[in-house]
Amino acid sequence: MKIYSIAVILSPPGGPSAVLSQASDLSSFSFLQRGSVGEFMNFFSKTVADRTQQGQRQTVQENNYTAHVYNRGGAEQLAGVIITDQEYPVRPAFSLLSKLLDDFAAKVPQSLFSNPGAINFPDINNYLAKYQDPRHADNIMRVQAELDETKIILHKTMESVLQRGEKLDDLVDRSQALSMQSKMFYKTAKKQNSCCTVM
């Protein structure tokens, strides 16, 4: 999963859009291709922002690239565009765009929007670097990944116990901590379980 470009765009209805802040990671392209790819990403970002109505989100695919667009509209008339590979999940992309636009609107005065060259928003580079891993953008995805890791560890532990079945029987027989009743319960339960697994 890869984020190639992320941009904050001034997108007034009916007017030309302007890139207010942009960051890109074109390291996967050759040095000679980076200029052309960067221009394409800029053009693609502005085009999809212009074609997305205010208050809407959409995903647009072009060749191997996917642009996720959130045109927030409102008084600021801001849109966010993230260009990723096709494997980057949709929900974290839109979560990232919402955070980016909120942060941009809070830190950059609206009076500077008419002069994009005067805008200094270095945080966009942090967003690009941090959210290369989509689990940082989406809490649900991060929790699911943690649960999956726990499940894998749990399965490994269960498998290692099951592989020691005969040794566990010997430990139960020799245990001083278990009463005769507990040992009988273990043996009965094991017989019933082995009966059921054969069927």
C-alpha atoms as a PDB file:
ATOM      1  CA  MET A   1       0.000   0.000   0.000  1.00  0.00           C
ATOM      2  CA  LYS A   2       1.351   3.352  -1.003  1.00  0.00           C
ATOM      3  CA  ILE A   3       0.369   7.019  -0.882  1.00  0.00           C
ATOM      4  CA  TYR A   4       1.903   8.893  -3.815  1.00  0.00           C
ATOM      5  CA  SER A   5       0.440  12.336  -3.282  1.00  0.00           C
ATOM      6  CA  ILE A   6      -1.712  14.286  -0.875  1.00  0.00           C
ATOM      7  CA  ALA A   7      -3.060  17.771  -1.534  1.00  0.00           C
ATOM      8  CA  VAL A   8      -5.234  20.512  -0.078  1.00  0.00           C
ATOM      9  CA  ILE A   9      -7.019  22.333  -2.869  1.00  0.00           C
ATOM     10  CA  LEU A  10      -9.065  25.515  -2.985  1.00  0.00           C
ATOM     11  CA  SER A  11     -12.078  24.416  -5.026  1.00  0.00           C
ATOM     12  CA  PRO A  12     -14.642  27.189  -5.455  1.00  0.00           C
ATOM     13  CA  PRO A  13     -17.826  26.168  -7.293  1.00  0.00           C
ATOM     14  CA  GLY A  14     -17.629  27.226 -10.932  1.00  0.00           C
ATOM     15  CA  GLY A  15     -14.121  28.658 -10.567  1.00  0.00           C
ATOM     16  CA  PRO A  16     -10.658  27.290 -11.214  1.00  0.00           C
ATOM     17  CA  SER A  17      -9.117  25.261  -8.434  1.00  0.00           C
ATOM     18  CA  ALA A  18      -5.718  25.993  -6.906  1.00  0.00           C
ATOM     19  CA  VAL A  19      -3.365  23.715  -4.993  1.00  0.00           C
ATOM     20  CA  LEU A  20      -2.765  25.317  -1.588  1.00  0.00           C
ATOM     21  CA  SER A  21      -0.473  22.651  -0.164  1.00  0.00           C
ATOM     22  CA  GLN A  22       0.847  19.376  -1.534  1.00  0.00           C
ATOM     23  CA  ALA A  23       3.273  16.615  -0.605  1.00  0.00           C
ATOM     24  CA  SER A  24       4.319  13.622  -2.641  1.00  0.00           C
ATOM     25  CA  ASP A  25       6.450  10.516  -2.373  1.00  0.00           C
ATOM     26  CA  LEU A  26       7.657   9.609  -5.846  1.00  0.00           C
ATOM     27  CA  SER A  27      10.610   7.515  -4.694  1.00  0.00           C
ATOM     28  CA  SER A  28       9.170   4.423  -6.412  1.00  0.00           C
ATOM     29  CA  PHE A  29       9.643   6.128  -9.808  1.00  0.00           C
ATOM     30  CA  SER A  30      12.933   6.637 -11.622  1.00  0.00           C
ATOM     31  CA  PHE A  31      14.626  10.003 -11.252  1.00  0.00           C
ATOM     32  CA  LEU A  32      13.816  10.902 -14.856  1.00  0.00           C
ATOM     33  CA  GLN A  33      10.097  10.088 -14.441  1.00  0.00           C
ATOM     34  CA  ARG A  34       9.504  12.008 -11.210  1.00  0.00           C
ATOM     35  CA  GLY A  35       8.934  15.411 -12.842  1.00  0.00           C
ATOM     36  CA  SER A  36       6.327  14.080 -15.263  1.00  0.00           C
ATOM     37  CA  VAL A  37       4.640  11.930 -12.608  1.00  0.00           C
ATOM     38  CA  GLY A  38       4.524  14.903 -10.212  1.00  0.00           C
ATOM     39  CA  GLU A  39       2.865  17.069 -12.892  1.00  0.00           C
ATOM     40  CA  PHE A  40       0.334  14.304 -13.595  1.00  0.00           C
ATOM     41  CA  MET A  41      -0.478  13.955  -9.861  1.00  0.00           C
ATOM     42  CA  ASN A  42      -1.026  17.735  -9.630  1.00  0.00           C
ATOM     43  CA  PHE A  43      -3.269  17.743 -12.720  1.00  0.00           C
ATOM     44  CA  PHE A  44      -5.165  14.643 -11.561  1.00  0.00           C
ATOM     45  CA  SER A  45      -5.721  16.156  -8.082  1.00  0.00           C
ATOM     46  CA  LYS A  46      -7.084  19.443  -9.432  1.00  0.00           C
ATOM     47  CA  THR A  47      -9.283  17.714 -12.008  1.00  0.00           C
ATOM     48  CA  VAL A  48     -10.974  15.338  -9.570  1.00  0.00           C
ATOM     49  CA  ALA A  49     -11.410  18.131  -7.005  1.00  0.00           C
ATOM     50  CA  ASP A  50     -13.136  20.289  -9.663  1.00  0.00           C
ATOM     51  CA  ARG A  51     -15.408  17.382 -10.617  1.00  0.00           C
ATOM     52  CA  THR A  52     -16.480  16.563  -7.051  1.00  0.00           C
ATOM     53  CA  GLN A  53     -19.464  18.487  -5.735  1.00  0.00           C
ATOM     54  CA  GLN A  54     -19.164  20.302  -2.429  1.00  0.00           C
ATOM     55  CA  GLY A  55     -19.985  18.134   0.558  1.00  0.00           C
ATOM     56  CA  GLN A  56     -19.263  14.915  -1.336  1.00  0.00           C
ATOM     57  CA  ARG A  57     -16.606  12.228  -1.308  1.00  0.00           C
ATOM     58  CA  GLN A  58     -15.669  10.040  -4.220  1.00  0.00           C
ATOM     59  CA  THR A  59     -13.023   7.622  -5.416  1.00  0.00           C
ATOM     60  CA  VAL A  60     -11.686   7.819  -8.955  1.00  0.00           C
ATOM     61  CA  GLN A  61      -9.411   5.238 -10.577  1.00  0.00           C
ATOM     62  CA  GLU A  62      -6.994   5.974 -13.388  1.00  0.00           C
ATOM     63  CA  ASN A  63      -4.666   3.187 -14.528  1.00  0.00           C
ATOM     64  CA  ASN A  64      -2.812   2.021 -11.389  1.00  0.00           C
ATOM     65  CA  TYR A  65      -3.722   5.103  -9.363  1.00  0.00           C
ATOM     66  CA  THR A  66      -6.711   5.764  -7.145  1.00  0.00           C
ATOM     67  CA  ALA A  67      -7.698   9.285  -6.127  1.00  0.00           C
ATOM     68  CA  HIS A  68      -9.829   9.672  -3.017  1.00  0.00           C
ATOM     69  CA  VAL A  69     -11.450  13.112  -2.947  1.00  0.00           C
ATOM     70  CA  TYR A  70     -13.302  14.926  -0.199  1.00  0.00           C
ATOM     71  CA  ASN A  71     -14.685  18.291  -1.258  1.00  0.00           C
ATOM     72  CA  ARG A  72     -15.667  19.762   2.072  1.00  0.00           C
ATOM     73  CA  GLY A  73     -16.966  22.994   0.587  1.00  0.00           C
ATOM     74  CA  GLY A  74     -18.426  25.418   3.109  1.00  0.00           C
ATOM     75  CA  ALA A  75     -17.035  28.891   3.663  1.00  0.00           C
ATOM     76  CA  GLU A  76     -13.446  27.732   3.133  1.00  0.00           C
ATOM     77  CA  GLN A  77     -14.189  25.836  -0.112  1.00  0.00           C
ATOM     78  CA  LEU A  78     -11.440  23.314   0.625  1.00  0.00           C
ATOM     79  CA  ALA A  79     -11.020  19.897  -0.945  1.00  0.00           C
ATOM     80  CA  GLY A  80      -8.562  17.170  -0.045  1.00  0.00           C
ATOM     81  CA  VAL A  81      -7.166  14.675  -2.530  1.00  0.00           C
ATOM     82  CA  ILE A  82      -5.039  11.637  -1.794  1.00  0.00           C
ATOM     83  CA  ILE A  83      -3.602   9.572  -4.653  1.00  0.00           C
ATOM     84  CA  THR A  84      -2.720   6.009  -3.730  1.00  0.00           C
ATOM     85  CA  ASP A  85      -2.185   2.630  -5.284  1.00  0.00           C
ATOM     86  CA  GLN A  86      -5.279   0.455  -5.709  1.00  0.00           C
ATOM     87  CA  GLU A  87      -4.598  -1.535  -2.534  1.00  0.00           C
ATOM     88  CA  TYR A  88      -4.883   1.397  -0.115  1.00  0.00           C
ATOM     89  CA  PRO A  89      -8.207   1.021   1.771  1.00  0.00           C
ATOM     90  CA  VAL A  90     -10.961   3.576   1.228  1.00  0.00           C
ATOM     91  CA  ARG A  91     -12.038   4.248   4.833  1.00  0.00           C
ATOM     92  CA  PRO A  92      -8.561   5.238   6.109  1.00  0.00           C
ATOM     93  CA  ALA A  93      -8.060   7.440   3.041  1.00  0.00           C
ATOM     94  CA  PHE A  94     -11.192   9.471   3.802  1.00  0.00           C
ATOM     95  CA  SER A  95     -10.376   9.539   7.511  1.00  0.00           C
ATOM     96  CA  LEU A  96      -6.969  10.985   6.648  1.00  0.00           C
ATOM     97  CA  LEU A  97      -8.522  13.621   4.369  1.00  0.00           C
ATOM     98  CA  SER A  98     -10.928  14.749   7.103  1.00  0.00           C
ATOM     99  CA  LYS A  99      -8.067  15.124   9.608  1.00  0.00           C
ATOM    100  CA  LEU A 100      -5.897  16.918   7.044  1.00  0.00           C
ATOM    101  CA  LEU A 101      -8.597  19.442   6.109  1.00  0.00           C
ATOM    102  CA  ASP A 102      -9.463  20.124   9.771  1.00  0.00           C
ATOM    103  CA  ASP A 103      -5.794  20.687  10.613  1.00  0.00           C
ATOM    104  CA  PHE A 104      -5.206  22.878   7.550  1.00  0.00           C
ATOM    105  CA  ALA A 105      -8.267  25.052   8.244  1.00  0.00           C
ATOM    106  CA  ALA A 106      -7.206  25.476  11.886  1.00  0.00           C
ATOM    107  CA  LYS A 107      -3.588  26.435  11.133  1.00  0.00           C
ATOM    108  CA  VAL A 108      -3.764  28.411   7.876  1.00  0.00           C
ATOM    109  CA  PRO A 109      -5.710  31.696   7.830  1.00  0.00           C
ATOM    110  CA  GLN A 110      -8.340  31.882   5.112  1.00  0.00           C
ATOM    111  CA  SER A 111      -6.955  35.253   4.027  1.00  0.00           C
ATOM    112  CA  LEU A 112      -3.917  33.419   2.572  1.00  0.00           C
ATOM    113  CA  PHE A 113      -5.989  31.161   0.314  1.00  0.00           C
ATOM    114  CA  SER A 114      -5.885  33.769  -2.476  1.00  0.00           C
ATOM    115  CA  ASN A 115      -2.069  33.633  -2.431  1.00  0.00           C
ATOM    116  CA  PRO A 116      -1.060  29.929  -2.410  1.00  0.00           C
ATOM    117  CA  GLY A 117       2.652  30.824  -2.600  1.00  0.00           C
ATOM    118  CA  ALA A 118       2.436  32.436   0.854  1.00  0.00           C
ATOM    119  CA  ILE A 119       1.035  29.324   2.509  1.00  0.00           C
ATOM    120  CA  ASN A 120       3.396  27.372   4.707  1.00  0.00           C
ATOM    121  CA  PHE A 121       1.907  24.099   5.935  1.00  0.00           C
ATOM    122  CA  PRO A 122       4.774  21.662   6.631  1.00  0.00           C
ATOM    123  CA  ASP A 123       2.438  19.279   8.514  1.00  0.00           C
ATOM    124  CA  ILE A 124       1.279  17.874   5.178  1.00  0.00           C
ATOM    125  CA  ASN A 125       4.644  16.078   4.889  1.00  0.00           C
ATOM    126  CA  ASN A 126       4.004  14.455   8.279  1.00  0.00           C
ATOM    127  CA  TYR A 127       0.597  13.241   7.099  1.00  0.00           C
ATOM    128  CA  LEU A 128       2.167  11.748   3.980  1.00  0.00           C
ATOM    129  CA  ALA A 129       4.850   9.903   5.949  1.00  0.00           C
ATOM    130  CA  LYS A 130       2.720   8.790   8.901  1.00  0.00           C
ATOM    131  CA  TYR A 131      -0.258   7.484   6.949  1.00  0.00           C
ATOM    132  CA  GLN A 132       1.677   5.320   4.507  1.00  0.00           C
ATOM    133  CA  ASP A 133       0.469   2.659   6.937  1.00  0.00           C
ATOM    134  CA  PRO A 134      -3.350   3.007   6.822  1.00  0.00           C
ATOM    135  CA  ARG A 135      -3.720   1.671  10.375  1.00  0.00           C
ATOM    136  CA  HIS A 136      -2.596   5.099  11.638  1.00  0.00           C
ATOM    137  CA  ALA A 137      -5.553   6.780   9.930  1.00  0.00           C
ATOM    138  CA  ASP A 138      -8.246   4.365  10.970  1.00  0.00           C
ATOM    139  CA  ASN A 139      -8.757   3.267  14.571  1.00  0.00           C
ATOM    140  CA  ILE A 140     -11.071   0.424  13.552  1.00  0.00           C
ATOM    141  CA  MET A 141      -8.450  -0.976  11.202  1.00  0.00           C
ATOM    142  CA  ARG A 142      -5.757  -0.678  13.900  1.00  0.00           C
ATOM    143  CA  VAL A 143      -7.908  -2.478  16.485  1.00  0.00           C
ATOM    144  CA  GLN A 144      -8.722  -5.221  13.951  1.00  0.00           C
ATOM    145  CA  ALA A 145      -5.011  -5.709  13.243  1.00  0.00           C
ATOM    146  CA  GLU A 146      -4.288  -5.956  16.979  1.00  0.00           C
ATOM    147  CA  LEU A 147      -7.085  -8.516  17.384  1.00  0.00           C
ATOM    148  CA  ASP A 148      -5.730 -10.534  14.457  1.00  0.00           C
ATOM    149  CA  GLU A 149      -2.259 -10.557  16.042  1.00  0.00           C
ATOM    150  CA  THR A 150      -3.732 -11.692  19.372  1.00  0.00           C
ATOM    151  CA  LYS A 151      -5.683 -14.446  17.611  1.00  0.00           C
ATOM    152  CA  ILE A 152      -2.514 -15.686  15.882  1.00  0.00           C
ATOM    153  CA  ILE A 153      -0.645 -15.808  19.203  1.00  0.00           C
ATOM    154  CA  LEU A 154      -3.606 -17.599  20.803  1.00  0.00           C
ATOM    155  CA  HIS A 155      -3.694 -20.166  17.998  1.00  0.00           C
ATOM    156  CA  LYS A 156       0.036 -20.771  18.316  1.00  0.00           C
ATOM    157  CA  THR A 157      -0.322 -21.351  22.051  1.00  0.00           C
ATOM    158  CA  MET A 158      -3.247 -23.733  21.569  1.00  0.00           C
ATOM    159  CA  GLU A 159      -1.371 -25.678  18.889  1.00  0.00           C
ATOM    160  CA  SER A 160       1.705 -26.060  21.075  1.00  0.00           C
ATOM    161  CA  VAL A 161      -0.440 -27.402  23.938  1.00  0.00           C
ATOM    162  CA  LEU A 162      -2.264 -29.816  21.657  1.00  0.00           C
ATOM    163  CA  GLN A 163       1.000 -31.180  20.287  1.00  0.00           C
ATOM    164  CA  ARG A 164       2.065 -32.136  23.793  1.00  0.00           C
ATOM    165  CA  GLY A 165      -1.076 -34.258  24.448  1.00  0.00           C
ATOM    166  CA  GLU A 166       0.730 -37.376  25.705  1.00  0.00           C
ATOM    167  CA  LYS A 167       3.066 -35.400  27.944  1.00  0.00           C
ATOM    168  CA  LEU A 168       0.132 -33.546  29.403  1.00  0.00           C
ATOM    169  CA  ASP A 169      -1.448 -36.901  30.398  1.00  0.00           C
ATOM    170  CA  ASP A 170       1.755 -37.858  32.227  1.00  0.00           C
ATOM    171  CA  LEU A 171       1.826 -34.497  34.017  1.00  0.00           C
ATOM    172  CA  VAL A 172      -1.778 -34.926  35.159  1.00  0.00           C
ATOM    173  CA  ASP A 173      -1.058 -38.444  36.481  1.00  0.00           C
ATOM    174  CA  ARG A 174       2.038 -37.319  38.409  1.00  0.00           C
ATOM    175  CA  SER A 175       0.579 -34.057  39.702  1.00  0.00           C
ATOM    176  CA  GLN A 176       0.332 -33.651  43.455  1.00  0.00           C
ATOM    177  CA  ALA A 177      -1.726 -30.482  43.040  1.00  0.00           C
ATOM    178  CA  LEU A 178      -4.700 -32.282  41.460  1.00  0.00           C
ATOM    179  CA  SER A 179      -7.094 -34.346  43.512  1.00  0.00           C
ATOM    180  CA  MET A 180      -8.131 -37.827  42.381  1.00  0.00           C
ATOM    181  CA  GLN A 181     -11.517 -36.377  41.435  1.00  0.00           C
ATOM    182  CA  SER A 182      -9.862 -33.777  39.133  1.00  0.00           C
ATOM    183  CA  LYS A 183      -7.683 -36.455  37.519  1.00  0.00           C
ATOM    184  CA  MET A 184     -10.763 -38.606  36.877  1.00  0.00           C
ATOM    185  CA  PHE A 185     -12.613 -35.616  35.450  1.00  0.00           C
ATOM    186  CA  TYR A 186      -9.698 -34.908  33.061  1.00  0.00           C
ATOM    187  CA  LYS A 187      -9.550 -38.526  31.861  1.00  0.00           C
ATOM    188  CA  THR A 188     -13.336 -38.743  31.407  1.00  0.00           C
ATOM    189  CA  ALA A 189     -13.450 -35.447  29.521  1.00  0.00           C
ATOM    190  CA  LYS A 190     -10.569 -36.541  27.299  1.00  0.00           C
ATOM    191  CA  LYS A 191     -12.308 -39.819  26.456  1.00  0.00           C
ATOM    192  CA  GLN A 192     -15.560 -38.027  25.633  1.00  0.00           C
ATOM    193  CA  ASN A 193     -13.763 -35.467  23.501  1.00  0.00           C
ATOM    194  CA  SER A 194     -11.819 -38.135  21.612  1.00  0.00           C
ATOM    195  CA  CYS A 195     -15.075 -39.982  21.026  1.00  0.00           C
ATOM    196  CA  CYS A 196     -16.648 -36.858  19.587  1.00  0.00           C
ATOM    197  CA  THR A 197     -13.720 -35.962  17.351  1.00  0.00           C
ATOM    198  CA  VAL A 198     -13.763 -39.401  15.704  1.00  0.00           C
ATOM    199  CA  MET A 199     -17.367 -38.983  14.620  1.00  0.00           C
END
